[in-house]
Amino acid sequence: MLKLRDISGKKLVKVFESFGFAVVKQKGSHIKMTRFFGASTQTLVIPNHISIAKGTLKEIYDQAQIFISEKELKDIFYS
């Protein structure tokens, strides 16, 4: 059974930047990332924590799957 990795907010920002997302603003410890894909705007919010809680990480993974294929994300999020 696959387990979620322990990932920091800083690492997730770098991962999503590699998929074309850019940081548009930060308020407190939350980073808003956006990419423009055709006529649509795709947005993710990443907490800038040293270690993101497993439940939060799973929600980010589920939300990112709307924009990025599971195959590309699985190796990053799961071990």
Protein backbone atom coordinates (compact mmCIF):
# COMPACT_ATOMS: atom_id res chain seq x y z
CA MET A 1 0.00 0.00 0.00
CA LEU A 2 1.29 3.43 -0.92
CA LYS A 3 1.89 6.04 1.80
CA LEU A 4 1.88 9.80 1.44
CA ARG A 5 5.36 11.29 1.64
CA ASP A 6 6.36 13.99 4.12
CA ILE A 7 6.54 17.04 1.83
CA SER A 8 7.20 20.69 2.64
CA GLY A 9 5.31 23.59 1.13
CA LYS A 10 8.53 24.88 -0.42
CA LYS A 11 9.05 21.58 -2.26
CA LEU A 12 5.46 21.53 -3.53
CA VAL A 13 5.85 25.05 -4.89
CA LYS A 14 8.90 23.89 -6.89
CA VAL A 15 7.01 20.83 -8.14
CA PHE A 16 4.05 22.85 -9.35
CA GLU A 17 6.33 25.46 -10.91
CA SER A 18 7.73 22.63 -13.04
CA PHE A 19 4.15 22.02 -14.27
CA GLY A 20 3.79 25.66 -15.33
CA PHE A 21 2.20 27.16 -12.22
CA ALA A 22 3.50 30.48 -10.91
CA VAL A 23 3.23 32.08 -7.48
CA VAL A 24 0.79 34.97 -7.77
CA LYS A 25 0.53 35.97 -4.12
CA GLN A 26 1.15 34.91 -0.57
CA LYS A 27 -0.93 35.81 2.46
CA GLY A 28 0.48 34.59 5.73
CA SER A 29 1.63 31.02 5.25
CA HIS A 30 -0.55 30.27 2.21
CA ILE A 31 0.84 30.53 -1.31
CA LYS A 32 -1.54 30.94 -4.24
CA MET A 33 -0.29 29.45 -7.49
CA THR A 34 -1.92 29.90 -10.90
CA ARG A 35 -1.38 28.80 -14.47
CA PHE A 36 -3.27 29.78 -17.58
CA PHE A 37 -4.25 26.82 -19.74
CA GLY A 38 -6.07 27.83 -22.89
CA ALA A 39 -9.03 29.95 -21.87
CA SER A 40 -9.08 28.65 -18.29
CA THR A 41 -7.22 29.67 -15.15
CA GLN A 42 -6.04 26.87 -12.87
CA THR A 43 -5.37 27.74 -9.23
CA LEU A 44 -3.86 25.85 -6.29
CA VAL A 45 -3.28 27.03 -2.72
CA ILE A 46 -0.24 25.56 -0.94
CA PRO A 47 0.46 26.02 2.79
CA ASN A 48 4.06 27.10 3.28
CA HIS A 49 4.77 24.72 6.15
CA ILE A 50 7.86 22.64 6.89
CA SER A 51 5.69 19.53 6.87
CA ILE A 52 2.20 19.54 5.37
CA ALA A 53 -0.42 17.51 7.27
CA LYS A 54 -1.36 14.24 5.53
CA GLY A 55 -5.02 15.20 5.11
CA THR A 56 -4.10 18.55 3.60
CA LEU A 57 -1.55 16.90 1.32
CA LYS A 58 -4.19 14.41 0.09
CA GLU A 59 -6.57 17.28 -0.67
CA ILE A 60 -3.85 19.14 -2.63
CA TYR A 61 -3.13 15.91 -4.53
CA ASP A 62 -6.84 15.43 -5.35
CA GLN A 63 -7.21 19.05 -6.45
CA ALA A 64 -4.04 18.92 -8.57
CA GLN A 65 -5.35 15.80 -10.37
CA ILE A 66 -7.98 18.02 -11.97
CA PHE A 67 -5.15 19.75 -13.86
CA ILE A 68 -2.30 17.21 -13.94
CA SER A 69 -2.45 13.48 -14.65
CA GLU A 70 -2.29 11.01 -11.77
CA LYS A 71 0.69 9.30 -13.41
CA GLU A 72 2.76 12.49 -13.18
CA LEU A 73 1.76 13.25 -9.59
CA LYS A 74 1.80 9.81 -7.94
CA ASP A 75 5.60 9.46 -7.66
CA ILE A 76 5.86 12.93 -6.11
CA PHE A 77 3.17 12.46 -3.46
CA TYR A 78 3.41 8.72 -2.66
CA SER A 79 6.23 6.36 -1.70
